[in-house]
């Protein structure tokens, strides 16, 4: 078991959630239950699954939740793309969010690969 509060990937992914929450109010009101909700949901899923996995009893369970986190950060990128294409995000914010998502993905993957499989 790990203490999620000590994991850099948890802190960085939570900072990413804050960024998403800061930019998404600029989306049109008709997106409140659409793209806004979906983007926020997949973003918060990343640190949520990391912290849940950290509290699990086995490395196998933790690694499974890290896999879900990686899927969620990829999903966030998929939600950011149309938001940019329909001009809900500036190019600067778009690039910043995509780059940060990629960095988080790499960090989670590196951490995932560092966890030993149980015998």
PDB file of N, CA and C in Angstrom:
ATOM      1  N   UNK A   1       0.839  -1.180   0.000  1.00  0.00           N
ATOM      2  CA  UNK A   1       0.000   0.000   0.000  1.00  0.00           C
ATOM      3  C   UNK A   1       0.884   1.243   0.000  1.00  0.00           C
ATOM      4  N   UNK A   2       0.381   2.279  -0.618  1.00  0.00           N
ATOM      5  CA  UNK A   2       1.106   3.538  -0.740  1.00  0.00           C
ATOM      6  C   UNK A   2       0.274   4.651  -0.120  1.00  0.00           C
ATOM      7  N   UNK A   3       0.939   5.706   0.292  1.00  0.00           N
ATOM      8  CA  UNK A   3       0.252   6.886   0.767  1.00  0.00           C
ATOM      9  C   UNK A   3       0.079   7.817  -0.438  1.00  0.00           C
ATOM     10  N   UNK A   4      -1.134   7.927  -0.947  1.00  0.00           N
ATOM     11  CA  UNK A   4      -1.366   8.713  -2.151  1.00  0.00           C
ATOM     12  C   UNK A   4      -0.970  10.177  -1.983  1.00  0.00           C
ATOM     13  N   UNK A   5      -1.014  10.676  -0.756  1.00  0.00           N
ATOM     14  CA  UNK A   5      -0.659  12.077  -0.514  1.00  0.00           C
ATOM     15  C   UNK A   5       0.823  12.349  -0.758  1.00  0.00           C
ATOM     16  N   UNK A   6       1.616  11.289  -0.796  1.00  0.00           N
ATOM     17  CA  UNK A   6       3.047  11.429  -1.045  1.00  0.00           C
ATOM     18  C   UNK A   6       3.422  11.183  -2.503  1.00  0.00           C
ATOM     19  N   UNK A   7       2.454  10.835  -3.335  1.00  0.00           N
ATOM     20  CA  UNK A   7       2.735  10.515  -4.733  1.00  0.00           C
ATOM     21  C   UNK A   7       2.673  11.762  -5.607  1.00  0.00           C
ATOM     22  N   UNK A   8       3.779  12.053  -6.291  1.00  0.00           N
ATOM     23  CA  UNK A   8       3.827  13.215  -7.182  1.00  0.00           C
ATOM     24  C   UNK A   8       2.776  13.129  -8.278  1.00  0.00           C
ATOM     25  N   UNK A   9       2.515  11.914  -8.751  1.00  0.00           N
ATOM     26  CA  UNK A   9       1.510  11.763  -9.820  1.00  0.00           C
ATOM     27  C   UNK A   9       0.124  12.160  -9.338  1.00  0.00           C
ATOM     28  N   UNK A  10      -0.134  11.955  -8.073  1.00  0.00           N
ATOM     29  CA  UNK A  10      -1.437  12.341  -7.534  1.00  0.00           C
ATOM     30  C   UNK A  10      -1.537  13.864  -7.437  1.00  0.00           C
ATOM     31  N   UNK A  11      -0.485  14.505  -6.960  1.00  0.00           N
ATOM     32  CA  UNK A  11      -0.481  15.972  -6.851  1.00  0.00           C
ATOM     33  C   UNK A  11      -0.575  16.628  -8.229  1.00  0.00           C
ATOM     34  N   UNK A  12       0.210  16.130  -9.164  1.00  0.00           N
ATOM     35  CA  UNK A  12       0.226  16.744 -10.495  1.00  0.00           C
ATOM     36  C   UNK A  12      -1.111  16.549 -11.203  1.00  0.00           C
ATOM     37  N   UNK A  13      -1.683  15.377 -11.062  1.00  0.00           N
ATOM     38  CA  UNK A  13      -2.972  15.144 -11.719  1.00  0.00           C
ATOM     39  C   UNK A  13      -4.086  15.955 -11.051  1.00  0.00           C
ATOM     40  N   UNK A  14      -3.969  16.204  -9.753  1.00  0.00           N
ATOM     41  CA  UNK A  14      -4.962  17.055  -9.083  1.00  0.00           C
ATOM     42  C   UNK A  14      -4.821  18.507  -9.551  1.00  0.00           C
ATOM     43  N   UNK A  15      -3.589  18.962  -9.761  1.00  0.00           N
ATOM     44  CA  UNK A  15      -3.381  20.301 -10.318  1.00  0.00           C
ATOM     45  C   UNK A  15      -4.017  20.403 -11.704  1.00  0.00           C
ATOM     46  N   UNK A  16      -3.952  19.307 -12.454  1.00  0.00           N
ATOM     47  CA  UNK A  16      -4.565  19.278 -13.785  1.00  0.00           C
ATOM     48  C   UNK A  16      -6.091  19.422 -13.677  1.00  0.00           C
ATOM     49  N   UNK A  17      -6.663  18.763 -12.705  1.00  0.00           N
ATOM     50  CA  UNK A  17      -8.110  18.891 -12.481  1.00  0.00           C
ATOM     51  C   UNK A  17      -8.471  20.351 -12.235  1.00  0.00           C
ATOM     52  N   UNK A  18      -7.675  21.019 -11.422  1.00  0.00           N
ATOM     53  CA  UNK A  18      -7.931  22.432 -11.125  1.00  0.00           C
ATOM     54  C   UNK A  18      -7.886  23.257 -12.409  1.00  0.00           C
ATOM     55  N   UNK A  19      -6.904  22.988 -13.270  1.00  0.00           N
ATOM     56  CA  UNK A  19      -6.817  23.706 -14.550  1.00  0.00           C
ATOM     57  C   UNK A  19      -8.073  23.482 -15.386  1.00  0.00           C
ATOM     58  N   UNK A  20      -8.525  22.239 -15.430  1.00  0.00           N
ATOM     59  CA  UNK A  20      -9.736  21.924 -16.200  1.00  0.00           C
ATOM     60  C   UNK A  20     -10.937  22.677 -15.627  1.00  0.00           C
ATOM     61  N   UNK A  21     -11.048  22.702 -14.307  1.00  0.00           N
ATOM     62  CA  UNK A  21     -12.153  23.413 -13.675  1.00  0.00           C
ATOM     63  C   UNK A  21     -12.054  24.924 -13.891  1.00  0.00           C
ATOM     64  N   UNK A  22     -10.848  25.423 -14.075  1.00  0.00           N
ATOM     65  CA  UNK A  22     -10.679  26.855 -14.321  1.00  0.00           C
ATOM     66  C   UNK A  22     -11.065  27.241 -15.742  1.00  0.00           C
ATOM     67  N   UNK A  23     -10.797  26.394 -16.724  1.00  0.00           N
ATOM     68  CA  UNK A  23     -11.097  26.751 -18.110  1.00  0.00           C
ATOM     69  C   UNK A  23     -12.506  26.357 -18.546  1.00  0.00           C
ATOM     70  N   UNK A  24     -13.073  25.329 -17.951  1.00  0.00           N
ATOM     71  CA  UNK A  24     -14.371  24.845 -18.435  1.00  0.00           C
ATOM     72  C   UNK A  24     -15.557  25.782 -18.189  1.00  0.00           C
ATOM     73  N   UNK A  25     -15.539  26.684 -17.219  1.00  0.00           N
ATOM     74  CA  UNK A  25     -16.661  27.618 -17.113  1.00  0.00           C
ATOM     75  C   UNK A  25     -16.803  28.538 -18.331  1.00  0.00           C
ATOM     76  N   UNK A  26     -15.743  28.617 -19.144  1.00  0.00           N
ATOM     77  CA  UNK A  26     -15.806  29.432 -20.356  1.00  0.00           C
ATOM     78  C   UNK A  26     -16.563  28.734 -21.492  1.00  0.00           C
ATOM     79  N   UNK A  27     -16.883  27.456 -21.315  1.00  0.00           N
ATOM     80  CA  UNK A  27     -17.657  26.744 -22.329  1.00  0.00           C
ATOM     81  C   UNK A  27     -19.095  27.270 -22.294  1.00  0.00           C
ATOM     82  N   UNK A  28     -19.804  27.175 -23.405  1.00  0.00           N
ATOM     83  CA  UNK A  28     -21.201  27.631 -23.425  1.00  0.00           C
ATOM     84  C   UNK A  28     -22.074  26.880 -22.410  1.00  0.00           C
ATOM     85  N   UNK A  29     -23.110  27.550 -21.965  1.00  0.00           N
ATOM     86  CA  UNK A  29     -24.013  26.950 -20.971  1.00  0.00           C
ATOM     87  C   UNK A  29     -24.654  25.662 -21.466  1.00  0.00           C
ATOM     88  N   UNK A  30     -24.884  25.563 -22.763  1.00  0.00           N
ATOM     89  CA  UNK A  30     -25.511  24.339 -23.285  1.00  0.00           C
ATOM     90  C   UNK A  30     -24.591  23.123 -23.189  1.00  0.00           C
ATOM     91  N   UNK A  31     -23.327  23.351 -22.876  1.00  0.00           N
ATOM     92  CA  UNK A  31     -22.367  22.250 -22.698  1.00  0.00           C
ATOM     93  C   UNK A  31     -22.262  21.797 -21.240  1.00  0.00           C
ATOM     94  N   UNK A  32     -23.049  22.417 -20.364  1.00  0.00           N
ATOM     95  CA  UNK A  32     -22.950  22.105 -18.933  1.00  0.00           C
ATOM     96  C   UNK A  32     -23.069  20.602 -18.656  1.00  0.00           C
ATOM     97  N   UNK A  33     -23.994  19.932 -19.319  1.00  0.00           N
ATOM     98  CA  UNK A  33     -24.193  18.504 -19.099  1.00  0.00           C
ATOM     99  C   UNK A  33     -23.570  17.656 -20.210  1.00  0.00           C
ATOM    100  N   UNK A  34     -22.863  18.308 -21.095  1.00  0.00           N
ATOM    101  CA  UNK A  34     -22.201  17.625 -22.199  1.00  0.00           C
ATOM    102  C   UNK A  34     -20.702  17.639 -22.013  1.00  0.00           C
ATOM    103  N   UNK A  35     -20.047  18.396 -22.854  1.00  0.00           N
ATOM    104  CA  UNK A  35     -18.590  18.421 -22.884  1.00  0.00           C
ATOM    105  C   UNK A  35     -17.980  18.887 -21.554  1.00  0.00           C
ATOM    106  N   UNK A  36     -18.568  19.867 -20.925  1.00  0.00           N
ATOM    107  CA  UNK A  36     -18.039  20.350 -19.646  1.00  0.00           C
ATOM    108  C   UNK A  36     -18.043  19.239 -18.604  1.00  0.00           C
ATOM    109  N   UNK A  37     -19.176  18.582 -18.456  1.00  0.00           N
ATOM    110  CA  UNK A  37     -19.296  17.508 -17.466  1.00  0.00           C
ATOM    111  C   UNK A  37     -18.386  16.335 -17.805  1.00  0.00           C
ATOM    112  N   UNK A  38     -18.314  15.981 -19.077  1.00  0.00           N
ATOM    113  CA  UNK A  38     -17.491  14.850 -19.488  1.00  0.00           C
ATOM    114  C   UNK A  38     -16.006  15.126 -19.250  1.00  0.00           C
ATOM    115  N   UNK A  39     -15.561  16.310 -19.607  1.00  0.00           N
ATOM    116  CA  UNK A  39     -14.158  16.678 -19.416  1.00  0.00           C
ATOM    117  C   UNK A  39     -13.796  16.700 -17.936  1.00  0.00           C
ATOM    118  N   UNK A  40     -14.656  17.282 -17.133  1.00  0.00           N
ATOM    119  CA  UNK A  40     -14.393  17.325 -15.697  1.00  0.00           C
ATOM    120  C   UNK A  40     -14.374  15.915 -15.099  1.00  0.00           C
ATOM    121  N   UNK A  41     -15.281  15.089 -15.554  1.00  0.00           N
ATOM    122  CA  UNK A  41     -15.373  13.724 -15.039  1.00  0.00           C
ATOM    123  C   UNK A  41     -14.114  12.910 -15.330  1.00  0.00           C
ATOM    124  N   UNK A  42     -13.647  12.954 -16.568  1.00  0.00           N
ATOM    125  CA  UNK A  42     -12.454  12.159 -16.884  1.00  0.00           C
ATOM    126  C   UNK A  42     -11.219  12.755 -16.229  1.00  0.00           C
ATOM    127  N   UNK A  43     -11.163  14.062 -16.044  1.00  0.00           N
ATOM    128  CA  UNK A  43     -10.011  14.681 -15.376  1.00  0.00           C
ATOM    129  C   UNK A  43      -9.950  14.268 -13.904  1.00  0.00           C
ATOM    130  N   UNK A  44     -11.062  14.335 -13.198  1.00  0.00           N
ATOM    131  CA  UNK A  44     -11.067  13.986 -11.772  1.00  0.00           C
ATOM    132  C   UNK A  44     -10.860  12.493 -11.577  1.00  0.00           C
ATOM    133  N   UNK A  45     -11.154  11.709 -12.588  1.00  0.00           N
ATOM    134  CA  UNK A  45     -10.951  10.263 -12.516  1.00  0.00           C
ATOM    135  C   UNK A  45      -9.476   9.894 -12.355  1.00  0.00           C
ATOM    136  N   UNK A  46      -8.589  10.718 -12.885  1.00  0.00           N
ATOM    137  CA  UNK A  46      -7.157  10.402 -12.842  1.00  0.00           C
ATOM    138  C   UNK A  46      -6.647  10.349 -11.392  1.00  0.00           C
ATOM    139  N   UNK A  47      -6.702  11.448 -10.625  1.00  0.00           N
ATOM    140  CA  UNK A  47      -6.210  11.352  -9.245  1.00  0.00           C
ATOM    141  C   UNK A  47      -7.094  10.463  -8.370  1.00  0.00           C
ATOM    142  N   UNK A  48      -8.366  10.375  -8.698  1.00  0.00           N
ATOM    143  CA  UNK A  48      -9.258   9.520  -7.904  1.00  0.00           C
ATOM    144  C   UNK A  48      -8.835   8.063  -7.979  1.00  0.00           C
ATOM    145  N   UNK A  49      -8.528   7.596  -9.175  1.00  0.00           N
ATOM    146  CA  UNK A  49      -8.110   6.205  -9.328  1.00  0.00           C
ATOM    147  C   UNK A  49      -6.715   5.956  -8.769  1.00  0.00           C
ATOM    148  N   UNK A  50      -5.850   6.943  -8.856  1.00  0.00           N
ATOM    149  CA  UNK A  50      -4.519   6.804  -8.261  1.00  0.00           C
ATOM    150  C   UNK A  50      -4.658   6.649  -6.744  1.00  0.00           C
ATOM    151  N   UNK A  51      -5.445   7.511  -6.127  1.00  0.00           N
ATOM    152  CA  UNK A  51      -5.589   7.433  -4.674  1.00  0.00           C
ATOM    153  C   UNK A  51      -6.322   6.164  -4.256  1.00  0.00           C
ATOM    154  N   UNK A  52      -7.313   5.751  -5.019  1.00  0.00           N
ATOM    155  CA  UNK A  52      -8.002   4.497  -4.697  1.00  0.00           C
ATOM    156  C   UNK A  52      -7.033   3.319  -4.798  1.00  0.00           C
ATOM    157  N   UNK A  53      -6.256   3.288  -5.867  1.00  0.00           N
ATOM    158  CA  UNK A  53      -5.300   2.204  -6.053  1.00  0.00           C
ATOM    159  C   UNK A  53      -4.247   2.164  -4.967  1.00  0.00           C
ATOM    160  N   UNK A  54      -3.820   3.338  -4.512  1.00  0.00           N
ATOM    161  CA  UNK A  54      -2.799   3.402  -3.470  1.00  0.00           C
ATOM    162  C   UNK A  54      -3.276   2.742  -2.184  1.00  0.00           C
ATOM    163  N   UNK A  55      -4.567   2.732  -1.976  1.00  0.00           N
ATOM    164  CA  UNK A  55      -5.126   2.137  -0.770  1.00  0.00           C
ATOM    165  C   UNK A  55      -5.473   0.670  -0.904  1.00  0.00           C
ATOM    166  N   UNK A  56      -5.298   0.123  -2.079  1.00  0.00           N
ATOM    167  CA  UNK A  56      -5.594  -1.294  -2.284  1.00  0.00           C
ATOM    168  C   UNK A  56      -4.498  -2.162  -1.703  1.00  0.00           C
ATOM    169  N   UNK A  57      -4.828  -3.393  -1.435  1.00  0.00           N
ATOM    170  CA  UNK A  57      -3.914  -4.285  -0.743  1.00  0.00           C
ATOM    171  C   UNK A  57      -2.838  -4.937  -1.580  1.00  0.00           C
ATOM    172  N   UNK A  58      -2.993  -4.922  -2.899  1.00  0.00           N
ATOM    173  CA  UNK A  58      -1.989  -5.599  -3.720  1.00  0.00           C
ATOM    174  C   UNK A  58      -1.487  -4.690  -4.840  1.00  0.00           C
ATOM    175  N   UNK A  59      -0.290  -4.990  -5.302  1.00  0.00           N
ATOM    176  CA  UNK A  59       0.265  -4.247  -6.434  1.00  0.00           C
ATOM    177  C   UNK A  59      -0.568  -4.466  -7.691  1.00  0.00           C
ATOM    178  N   UNK A  60      -1.101  -5.659  -7.865  1.00  0.00           N
ATOM    179  CA  UNK A  60      -1.931  -5.956  -9.038  1.00  0.00           C
ATOM    180  C   UNK A  60      -3.154  -5.037  -9.075  1.00  0.00           C
ATOM    181  N   UNK A  61      -3.803  -4.863  -7.932  1.00  0.00           N
ATOM    182  CA  UNK A  61      -4.971  -3.982  -7.860  1.00  0.00           C
ATOM    183  C   UNK A  61      -4.568  -2.531  -8.124  1.00  0.00           C
ATOM    184  N   UNK A  62      -3.441  -2.121  -7.554  1.00  0.00           N
ATOM    185  CA  UNK A  62      -2.963  -0.756  -7.746  1.00  0.00           C
ATOM    186  C   UNK A  62      -2.661  -0.515  -9.222  1.00  0.00           C
ATOM    187  N   UNK A  63      -1.966  -1.458  -9.844  1.00  0.00           N
ATOM    188  CA  UNK A  63      -1.612  -1.293 -11.253  1.00  0.00           C
ATOM    189  C   UNK A  63      -2.861  -1.206 -12.125  1.00  0.00           C
ATOM    190  N   UNK A  64      -3.897  -1.962 -11.793  1.00  0.00           N
ATOM    191  CA  UNK A  64      -5.147  -1.905 -12.574  1.00  0.00           C
ATOM    192  C   UNK A  64      -5.751  -0.498 -12.493  1.00  0.00           C
ATOM    193  N   UNK A  65      -5.732   0.102 -11.334  1.00  0.00           N
ATOM    194  CA  UNK A  65      -6.290   1.447 -11.196  1.00  0.00           C
ATOM    195  C   UNK A  65      -5.398   2.497 -11.849  1.00  0.00           C
ATOM    196  N   UNK A  66      -4.101   2.258 -11.896  1.00  0.00           N
ATOM    197  CA  UNK A  66      -3.217   3.157 -12.648  1.00  0.00           C
ATOM    198  C   UNK A  66      -3.523   3.058 -14.145  1.00  0.00           C
ATOM    199  N   UNK A  67      -3.848   1.860 -14.625  1.00  0.00           N
ATOM    200  CA  UNK A  67      -4.251   1.697 -16.029  1.00  0.00           C
ATOM    201  C   UNK A  67      -5.507   2.516 -16.319  1.00  0.00           C
ATOM    202  N   UNK A  68      -6.443   2.494 -15.399  1.00  0.00           N
ATOM    203  CA  UNK A  68      -7.677   3.281 -15.567  1.00  0.00           C
ATOM    204  C   UNK A  68      -7.337   4.770 -15.590  1.00  0.00           C
ATOM    205  N   UNK A  69      -6.409   5.191 -14.732  1.00  0.00           N
ATOM    206  CA  UNK A  69      -5.984   6.595 -14.723  1.00  0.00           C
ATOM    207  C   UNK A  69      -5.391   7.007 -16.067  1.00  0.00           C
ATOM    208  N   UNK A  70      -4.568   6.126 -16.641  1.00  0.00           N
ATOM    209  CA  UNK A  70      -3.982   6.432 -17.950  1.00  0.00           C
ATOM    210  C   UNK A  70      -5.071   6.527 -19.015  1.00  0.00           C
ATOM    211  N   UNK A  71      -6.060   5.669 -18.930  1.00  0.00           N
ATOM    212  CA  UNK A  71      -7.181   5.759 -19.863  1.00  0.00           C
ATOM    213  C   UNK A  71      -7.940   7.062 -19.706  1.00  0.00           C
ATOM    214  N   UNK A  72      -8.116   7.495 -18.468  1.00  0.00           N
ATOM    215  CA  UNK A  72      -8.848   8.737 -18.209  1.00  0.00           C
ATOM    216  C   UNK A  72      -8.095   9.963 -18.702  1.00  0.00           C
ATOM    217  N   UNK A  73      -6.776   9.975 -18.577  1.00  0.00           N
ATOM    218  CA  UNK A  73      -6.025  11.139 -19.066  1.00  0.00           C
ATOM    219  C   UNK A  73      -6.062  11.168 -20.594  1.00  0.00           C
ATOM    220  N   UNK A  74      -6.084   9.998 -21.223  1.00  0.00           N
ATOM    221  CA  UNK A  74      -6.265   9.960 -22.675  1.00  0.00           C
ATOM    222  C   UNK A  74      -7.657  10.451 -23.064  1.00  0.00           C
ATOM    223  N   UNK A  75      -8.646  10.061 -22.276  1.00  0.00           N
ATOM    224  CA  UNK A  75     -10.013  10.522 -22.531  1.00  0.00           C
ATOM    225  C   UNK A  75     -10.104  12.042 -22.399  1.00  0.00           C
ATOM    226  N   UNK A  76      -9.410  12.602 -21.428  1.00  0.00           N
ATOM    227  CA  UNK A  76      -9.418  14.056 -21.258  1.00  0.00           C
ATOM    228  C   UNK A  76      -8.882  14.747 -22.511  1.00  0.00           C
ATOM    229  N   UNK A  77      -7.816  14.190 -23.067  1.00  0.00           N
ATOM    230  CA  UNK A  77      -7.262  14.766 -24.300  1.00  0.00           C
ATOM    231  C   UNK A  77      -8.285  14.704 -25.431  1.00  0.00           C
ATOM    232  N   UNK A  78      -9.039  13.626 -25.484  1.00  0.00           N
ATOM    233  CA  UNK A  78     -10.065  13.467 -26.511  1.00  0.00           C
ATOM    234  C   UNK A  78     -11.176  14.497 -26.345  1.00  0.00           C
ATOM    235  N   UNK A  79     -11.477  14.880 -25.110  1.00  0.00           N
ATOM    236  CA  UNK A  79     -12.493  15.898 -24.852  1.00  0.00           C
ATOM    237  C   UNK A  79     -11.960  17.304 -25.138  1.00  0.00           C
ATOM    238  N   UNK A  80     -10.680  17.506 -24.898  1.00  0.00           N
ATOM    239  CA  UNK A  80     -10.061  18.819 -25.124  1.00  0.00           C
ATOM    240  C   UNK A  80     -10.000  19.146 -26.618  1.00  0.00           C
ATOM    241  N   UNK A  81      -9.765  18.132 -27.432  1.00  0.00           N
ATOM    242  CA  UNK A  81      -9.645  18.339 -28.882  1.00  0.00           C
ATOM    243  C   UNK A  81     -10.880  19.008 -29.493  1.00  0.00           C
ATOM    244  N   UNK A  82     -12.086  18.469 -29.308  1.00  0.00           N
ATOM    245  CA  UNK A  82     -13.245  19.167 -29.891  1.00  0.00           C
ATOM    246  C   UNK A  82     -13.509  20.522 -29.244  1.00  0.00           C
ATOM    247  N   UNK A  83     -13.189  20.644 -27.954  1.00  0.00           N
ATOM    248  CA  UNK A  83     -13.373  21.945 -27.298  1.00  0.00           C
ATOM    249  C   UNK A  83     -12.524  23.011 -27.986  1.00  0.00           C
ATOM    250  N   UNK A  84     -11.331  22.635 -28.377  1.00  0.00           N
ATOM    251  CA  UNK A  84     -10.468  23.558 -29.115  1.00  0.00           C
ATOM    252  C   UNK A  84     -11.007  23.800 -30.523  1.00  0.00           C
ATOM    253  N   UNK A  85     -11.418  22.748 -31.190  1.00  0.00           N
ATOM    254  CA  UNK A  85     -11.873  22.863 -32.584  1.00  0.00           C
ATOM    255  C   UNK A  85     -13.104  23.743 -32.742  1.00  0.00           C
ATOM    256  N   UNK A  86     -13.945  23.780 -31.703  1.00  0.00           N
ATOM    257  CA  UNK A  86     -15.131  24.644 -31.782  1.00  0.00           C
ATOM    258  C   UNK A  86     -14.910  25.969 -31.039  1.00  0.00           C
ATOM    259  N   UNK A  87     -13.653  26.266 -30.779  1.00  0.00           N
ATOM    260  CA  UNK A  87     -13.233  27.559 -30.221  1.00  0.00           C
ATOM    261  C   UNK A  87     -13.668  27.819 -28.786  1.00  0.00           C
ATOM    262  N   UNK A  88     -13.820  26.759 -27.992  1.00  0.00           N
ATOM    263  CA  UNK A  88     -14.068  26.956 -26.565  1.00  0.00           C
ATOM    264  C   UNK A  88     -12.762  27.209 -25.831  1.00  0.00           C
ATOM    265  N   UNK A  89     -11.638  26.814 -26.440  1.00  0.00           N
ATOM    266  CA  UNK A  89     -10.319  26.996 -25.849  1.00  0.00           C
ATOM    267  C   UNK A  89      -9.420  27.727 -26.824  1.00  0.00           C
ATOM    268  N   UNK A  90      -8.576  28.587 -26.297  1.00  0.00           N
ATOM    269  CA  UNK A  90      -7.574  29.229 -27.148  1.00  0.00           C
ATOM    270  C   UNK A  90      -6.502  28.199 -27.495  1.00  0.00           C
ATOM    271  N   UNK A  91      -5.719  28.499 -28.504  1.00  0.00           N
ATOM    272  CA  UNK A  91      -4.646  27.589 -28.890  1.00  0.00           C
ATOM    273  C   UNK A  91      -3.630  27.441 -27.761  1.00  0.00           C
ATOM    274  N   UNK A  92      -3.353  28.516 -27.072  1.00  0.00           N
ATOM    275  CA  UNK A  92      -2.394  28.473 -25.963  1.00  0.00           C
ATOM    276  C   UNK A  92      -2.873  27.541 -24.844  1.00  0.00           C
ATOM    277  N   UNK A  93      -4.120  27.678 -24.454  1.00  0.00           N
ATOM    278  CA  UNK A  93      -4.674  26.819 -23.401  1.00  0.00           C
ATOM    279  C   UNK A  93      -4.752  25.376 -23.886  1.00  0.00           C
ATOM    280  N   UNK A  94      -5.191  25.196 -25.111  1.00  0.00           N
ATOM    281  CA  UNK A  94      -5.258  23.856 -25.701  1.00  0.00           C
ATOM    282  C   UNK A  94      -3.907  23.156 -25.634  1.00  0.00           C
ATOM    283  N   UNK A  95      -2.871  23.818 -26.126  1.00  0.00           N
ATOM    284  CA  UNK A  95      -1.532  23.214 -26.127  1.00  0.00           C
ATOM    285  C   UNK A  95      -1.055  22.933 -24.712  1.00  0.00           C
ATOM    286  N   UNK A  96      -1.323  23.835 -23.806  1.00  0.00           N
ATOM    287  CA  UNK A  96      -0.923  23.657 -22.416  1.00  0.00           C
ATOM    288  C   UNK A  96      -1.601  22.437 -21.794  1.00  0.00           C
ATOM    289  N   UNK A  97      -2.899  22.292 -22.030  1.00  0.00           N
ATOM    290  CA  UNK A  97      -3.646  21.162 -21.464  1.00  0.00           C
ATOM    291  C   UNK A  97      -3.216  19.837 -22.074  1.00  0.00           C
ATOM    292  N   UNK A  98      -2.996  19.827 -23.373  1.00  0.00           N
ATOM    293  CA  UNK A  98      -2.561  18.594 -24.041  1.00  0.00           C
ATOM    294  C   UNK A  98      -1.158  18.214 -23.568  1.00  0.00           C
ATOM    295  N   UNK A  99      -0.266  19.183 -23.497  1.00  0.00           N
ATOM    296  CA  UNK A  99       1.099  18.887 -23.057  1.00  0.00           C
ATOM    297  C   UNK A  99       1.109  18.366 -21.625  1.00  0.00           C
ATOM    298  N   UNK A 100       0.350  18.984 -20.761  1.00  0.00           N
ATOM    299  CA  UNK A 100       0.311  18.535 -19.367  1.00  0.00           C
ATOM    300  C   UNK A 100      -0.284  17.135 -19.264  1.00  0.00           C
ATOM    301  N   UNK A 101      -1.302  16.858 -20.052  1.00  0.00           N
ATOM    302  CA  UNK A 101      -1.894  15.512 -20.061  1.00  0.00           C
ATOM    303  C   UNK A 101      -0.861  14.470 -20.481  1.00  0.00           C
ATOM    304  N   UNK A 102      -0.071  14.789 -21.490  1.00  0.00           N
ATOM    305  CA  UNK A 102       0.972  13.862 -21.943  1.00  0.00           C
ATOM    306  C   UNK A 102       2.022  13.634 -20.863  1.00  0.00           C
ATOM    307  N   UNK A 103       2.383  14.697 -20.169  1.00  0.00           N
ATOM    308  CA  UNK A 103       3.377  14.571 -19.101  1.00  0.00           C
ATOM    309  C   UNK A 103       2.834  13.714 -17.947  1.00  0.00           C
ATOM    310  N   UNK A 104       1.590  13.917 -17.611  1.00  0.00           N
ATOM    311  CA  UNK A 104       0.970  13.115 -16.553  1.00  0.00           C
ATOM    312  C   UNK A 104       0.904  11.650 -16.978  1.00  0.00           C
ATOM    313  N   UNK A 105       0.518  11.406 -18.211  1.00  0.00           N
ATOM    314  CA  UNK A 105       0.459  10.033 -18.722  1.00  0.00           C
ATOM    315  C   UNK A 105       1.825   9.364 -18.582  1.00  0.00           C
ATOM    316  N   UNK A 106       2.870  10.057 -18.989  1.00  0.00           N
ATOM    317  CA  UNK A 106       4.231   9.500 -18.905  1.00  0.00           C
ATOM    318  C   UNK A 106       4.624   9.212 -17.458  1.00  0.00           C
ATOM    319  N   UNK A 107       4.264  10.110 -16.557  1.00  0.00           N
ATOM    320  CA  UNK A 107       4.585   9.906 -15.142  1.00  0.00           C
ATOM    321  C   UNK A 107       3.860   8.688 -14.579  1.00  0.00           C
ATOM    322  N   UNK A 108       2.578   8.576 -14.898  1.00  0.00           N
ATOM    323  CA  UNK A 108       1.801   7.434 -14.400  1.00  0.00           C
ATOM    324  C   UNK A 108       2.350   6.140 -14.991  1.00  0.00           C
ATOM    325  N   UNK A 109       2.667   6.155 -16.273  1.00  0.00           N
ATOM    326  CA  UNK A 109       3.217   4.965 -16.916  1.00  0.00           C
ATOM    327  C   UNK A 109       4.555   4.564 -16.291  1.00  0.00           C
ATOM    328  N   UNK A 110       5.415   5.527 -16.028  1.00  0.00           N
ATOM    329  CA  UNK A 110       6.704   5.230 -15.402  1.00  0.00           C
ATOM    330  C   UNK A 110       6.498   4.648 -14.004  1.00  0.00           C
ATOM    331  N   UNK A 111       5.565   5.217 -13.265  1.00  0.00           N
ATOM    332  CA  UNK A 111       5.273   4.694 -11.931  1.00  0.00           C
ATOM    333  C   UNK A 111       4.705   3.282 -12.031  1.00  0.00           C
ATOM    334  N   UNK A 112       3.785   3.093 -12.949  1.00  0.00           N
ATOM    335  CA  UNK A 112       3.192   1.771 -13.211  1.00  0.00           C
ATOM    336  C   UNK A 112       4.284   0.737 -13.476  1.00  0.00           C
ATOM    337  N   UNK A 113       5.223   1.092 -14.340  1.00  0.00           N
ATOM    338  CA  UNK A 113       6.300   0.172 -14.702  1.00  0.00           C
ATOM    339  C   UNK A 113       7.268  -0.091 -13.555  1.00  0.00           C
ATOM    340  N   UNK A 114       7.293   0.804 -12.568  1.00  0.00           N
ATOM    341  CA  UNK A 114       8.201   0.622 -11.423  1.00  0.00           C
ATOM    342  C   UNK A 114       7.629  -0.306 -10.352  1.00  0.00           C
ATOM    343  N   UNK A 115       6.329  -0.551 -10.419  1.00  0.00           N
ATOM    344  CA  UNK A 115       5.687  -1.397  -9.413  1.00  0.00           C
ATOM    345  C   UNK A 115       5.937  -2.864  -9.771  1.00  0.00           C
ATOM    346  N   UNK A 116       6.465  -3.581  -8.839  1.00  0.00           N
ATOM    347  CA  UNK A 116       6.789  -4.992  -9.051  1.00  0.00           C
ATOM    348  C   UNK A 116       5.519  -5.847  -9.083  1.00  0.00           C
ATOM    349  N   UNK A 117       5.498  -6.777 -10.020  1.00  0.00           N
ATOM    350  CA  UNK A 117       4.398  -7.749 -10.052  1.00  0.00           C
ATOM    351  C   UNK A 117       4.595  -8.742  -8.918  1.00  0.00           C
ATOM    352  N   UNK A 118       3.486  -9.138  -8.347  1.00  0.00           N
ATOM    353  CA  UNK A 118       3.550 -10.112  -7.248  1.00  0.00           C
ATOM    354  C   UNK A 118       3.621 -11.531  -7.793  1.00  0.00           C
ATOM    355  N   UNK A 119       4.236 -12.390  -7.046  1.00  0.00           N
ATOM    356  CA  UNK A 119       4.385 -13.780  -7.480  1.00  0.00           C
ATOM    357  C   UNK A 119       3.381 -14.676  -6.835  1.00  0.00           C
TER     358      UNK A 119
END
